[in-house]
């Protein structure tokens, strides 16, 4: 049994088949939609501005990090182009007011996301302070951010990977092949 999606594409739990019956991972097809598109991962973190409970998937963490870095670079470039950089001791710094404003605006959502990411791997949010240990702490935090989710439910909530649905109910029509 397959679920038919428009344009003769078939959906199964393993992937999406196109009209040539070649299997593609959901992330490589336009029909294998995730409920959250790429930019929505970033926006979802901002919507959960100061939510320090629950769990955050690896994808949510790394998509936020990707867009965060992109926006920091754009802010630094705009600061330089618009002449908004800071001058300290007669030297111009490579960042300015836009960079600082953006950084301050996303510091709380970034911390909340890191705490939720630590919850996802089964660690307390207080484990974030391991980053204060010079060099080794930051590396260990990076390892935890890269680690896969704890399967099933843990003390911080259900696994967000297992809750995700790929297609809205109204788009799926049952058919037998």
Protein backbone atom coordinates (compact mmCIF):
# COMPACT_ATOMS: atom_id res chain seq x y z
CA UNK A 1 0.00 0.00 0.00
CA UNK A 2 1.31 3.39 -1.02
CA UNK A 3 0.01 6.89 -0.56
CA UNK A 4 -0.52 8.71 -3.84
CA UNK A 5 0.60 12.30 -4.09
CA UNK A 6 -0.21 14.37 -7.18
CA UNK A 7 1.81 14.12 -10.41
CA UNK A 8 2.04 10.31 -10.21
CA UNK A 9 4.52 10.33 -7.34
CA UNK A 10 4.24 7.62 -4.74
CA UNK A 11 5.15 8.01 -1.10
CA UNK A 12 6.31 5.19 1.13
CA UNK A 13 8.01 5.10 4.51
CA UNK A 14 11.37 4.55 2.80
CA UNK A 15 11.29 7.47 0.41
CA UNK A 16 9.48 9.05 -2.49
CA UNK A 17 9.36 7.44 -5.91
CA UNK A 18 9.09 9.55 -9.00
CA UNK A 19 7.31 8.49 -12.19
CA UNK A 20 10.37 6.40 -13.18
CA UNK A 21 10.12 4.45 -9.90
CA UNK A 22 13.58 5.50 -8.72
CA UNK A 23 13.83 5.95 -5.00
CA UNK A 24 15.00 9.31 -3.70
CA UNK A 25 15.48 10.38 -0.10
CA UNK A 26 12.75 12.78 1.02
CA UNK A 27 15.21 15.63 1.37
CA UNK A 28 16.12 15.46 -2.33
CA UNK A 29 12.60 15.71 -3.74
CA UNK A 30 10.07 18.49 -3.82
CA UNK A 31 7.33 16.04 -2.85
CA UNK A 32 9.06 14.70 0.25
CA UNK A 33 8.31 17.83 2.23
CA UNK A 34 9.30 18.23 5.83
CA UNK A 35 6.88 20.20 7.95
CA UNK A 36 9.72 22.66 8.51
CA UNK A 37 11.51 23.93 5.45
CA UNK A 38 15.10 25.08 5.69
CA UNK A 39 14.47 28.68 6.76
CA UNK A 40 11.67 27.60 9.07
CA UNK A 41 14.21 25.77 11.26
CA UNK A 42 15.73 29.17 12.02
CA UNK A 43 12.37 30.89 12.47
CA UNK A 44 11.16 28.11 14.77
CA UNK A 45 14.06 28.83 17.13
CA UNK A 46 13.14 32.52 17.18
CA UNK A 47 9.48 31.66 17.86
CA UNK A 48 10.58 29.60 20.87
CA UNK A 49 12.54 32.61 22.07
CA UNK A 50 13.16 31.59 25.67
CA UNK A 51 11.91 27.99 25.79
CA UNK A 52 14.55 26.09 27.73
CA UNK A 53 12.54 22.88 28.19
CA UNK A 54 11.97 20.11 25.69
CA UNK A 55 14.26 18.74 23.01
CA UNK A 56 15.79 20.07 19.78
CA UNK A 57 16.87 17.93 16.84
CA UNK A 58 20.32 18.07 15.35
CA UNK A 59 18.88 19.54 12.15
CA UNK A 60 17.22 22.37 14.06
CA UNK A 61 20.47 23.19 15.85
CA UNK A 62 22.68 23.12 12.75
CA UNK A 63 20.21 24.99 10.50
CA UNK A 64 19.97 27.71 13.13
CA UNK A 65 23.77 27.80 13.37
CA UNK A 66 24.10 28.01 9.58
CA UNK A 67 21.68 30.93 9.26
CA UNK A 68 23.13 32.58 12.34
CA UNK A 69 26.59 32.59 10.77
CA UNK A 70 25.20 33.82 7.43
CA UNK A 71 23.37 36.69 9.15
CA UNK A 72 26.47 37.60 11.18
CA UNK A 73 28.54 37.81 7.99
CA UNK A 74 25.86 39.88 6.26
CA UNK A 75 25.63 42.20 9.28
CA UNK A 76 29.42 42.64 9.33
CA UNK A 77 29.51 43.38 5.59
CA UNK A 78 26.64 45.88 5.92
CA UNK A 79 28.40 47.52 8.86
CA UNK A 80 31.51 47.99 6.73
CA UNK A 81 29.62 49.15 3.63
CA UNK A 82 27.48 51.63 5.57
CA UNK A 83 30.38 52.82 7.70
CA UNK A 84 28.82 51.68 10.97
CA UNK A 85 31.93 49.98 12.35
CA UNK A 86 33.35 50.74 15.77
CA UNK A 87 36.61 52.56 16.21
CA UNK A 88 38.79 51.60 19.14
CA UNK A 89 42.13 53.32 19.75
CA UNK A 90 42.02 54.82 16.28
CA UNK A 91 41.48 51.46 14.53
CA UNK A 92 38.25 50.34 12.90
CA UNK A 93 36.88 46.96 14.02
CA UNK A 94 35.42 44.65 11.33
CA UNK A 95 31.95 44.77 12.90
CA UNK A 96 29.61 47.45 14.12
CA UNK A 97 26.14 48.33 15.32
CA UNK A 98 24.15 45.93 13.12
CA UNK A 99 26.39 43.02 14.09
CA UNK A 100 26.07 43.77 17.80
CA UNK A 101 22.30 44.38 17.60
CA UNK A 102 21.72 41.08 15.80
CA UNK A 103 24.03 39.21 18.18
CA UNK A 104 22.22 40.56 21.23
CA UNK A 105 18.82 39.78 19.69
CA UNK A 106 19.60 36.08 19.19
CA UNK A 107 21.69 35.32 22.27
CA UNK A 108 18.71 34.07 24.33
CA UNK A 109 17.22 31.92 21.53
CA UNK A 110 20.69 30.49 20.84
CA UNK A 111 21.20 29.56 24.49
CA UNK A 112 17.70 28.07 24.68
CA UNK A 113 18.38 26.02 21.56
CA UNK A 114 21.67 24.72 22.96
CA UNK A 115 19.93 23.69 26.19
CA UNK A 116 17.20 21.87 24.21
CA UNK A 117 19.92 20.21 22.09
CA UNK A 118 21.65 19.00 25.26
CA UNK A 119 18.30 17.66 26.47
CA UNK A 120 17.97 15.76 23.19
CA UNK A 121 21.20 13.85 23.85
CA UNK A 122 20.18 13.19 27.47
CA UNK A 123 22.23 15.88 29.23
CA UNK A 124 21.09 18.62 31.57
CA UNK A 125 21.06 22.17 30.29
CA UNK A 126 23.59 23.05 32.98
CA UNK A 127 26.04 20.90 31.02
CA UNK A 128 26.43 23.98 28.78
CA UNK A 129 28.87 25.38 31.33
CA UNK A 130 31.39 22.72 30.32
CA UNK A 131 32.27 25.22 27.58
CA UNK A 132 33.99 27.31 30.26
CA UNK A 133 36.76 24.72 30.47
CA UNK A 134 39.37 26.10 28.06
CA UNK A 135 39.61 24.32 24.70
CA UNK A 136 38.41 20.87 25.85
CA UNK A 137 35.03 22.17 27.02
CA UNK A 138 34.21 23.71 23.64
CA UNK A 139 35.27 20.54 21.83
CA UNK A 140 33.12 18.38 24.11
CA UNK A 141 30.14 20.68 23.57
CA UNK A 142 30.68 20.39 19.80
CA UNK A 143 30.74 16.59 20.12
CA UNK A 144 27.45 16.68 22.04
CA UNK A 145 25.90 18.98 19.42
CA UNK A 146 26.89 16.47 16.70
CA UNK A 147 25.65 13.45 18.62
CA UNK A 148 22.43 11.75 17.51
CA UNK A 149 19.26 12.01 19.58
CA UNK A 150 18.54 9.63 22.41
CA UNK A 151 15.96 7.21 21.00
CA UNK A 152 12.50 7.26 22.50
CA UNK A 153 11.34 9.47 25.32
CA UNK A 154 13.76 10.73 27.96
CA UNK A 155 13.27 12.87 31.05
CA UNK A 156 13.08 16.00 28.87
CA UNK A 157 10.30 14.85 26.56
CA UNK A 158 9.54 12.80 23.49
CA UNK A 159 12.07 12.39 20.69
CA UNK A 160 11.27 15.09 18.09
CA UNK A 161 12.45 12.77 15.28
CA UNK A 162 9.75 10.26 16.10
CA UNK A 163 7.01 12.89 16.29
CA UNK A 164 7.69 14.38 12.85
CA UNK A 165 5.26 13.73 10.03
CA UNK A 166 6.35 14.30 6.46
CA UNK A 167 3.10 15.10 4.70
CA UNK A 168 -0.06 16.88 5.81
CA UNK A 169 -3.08 14.60 5.94
CA UNK A 170 -5.06 16.49 3.31
CA UNK A 171 -2.38 15.85 0.63
CA UNK A 172 -2.34 12.09 1.06
CA UNK A 173 -4.82 9.89 -0.82
CA UNK A 174 -4.77 6.14 -0.18
CA UNK A 175 -4.44 3.84 -3.16
CA UNK A 176 -3.31 0.28 -3.71
CA UNK A 177 -0.74 -0.78 -6.24
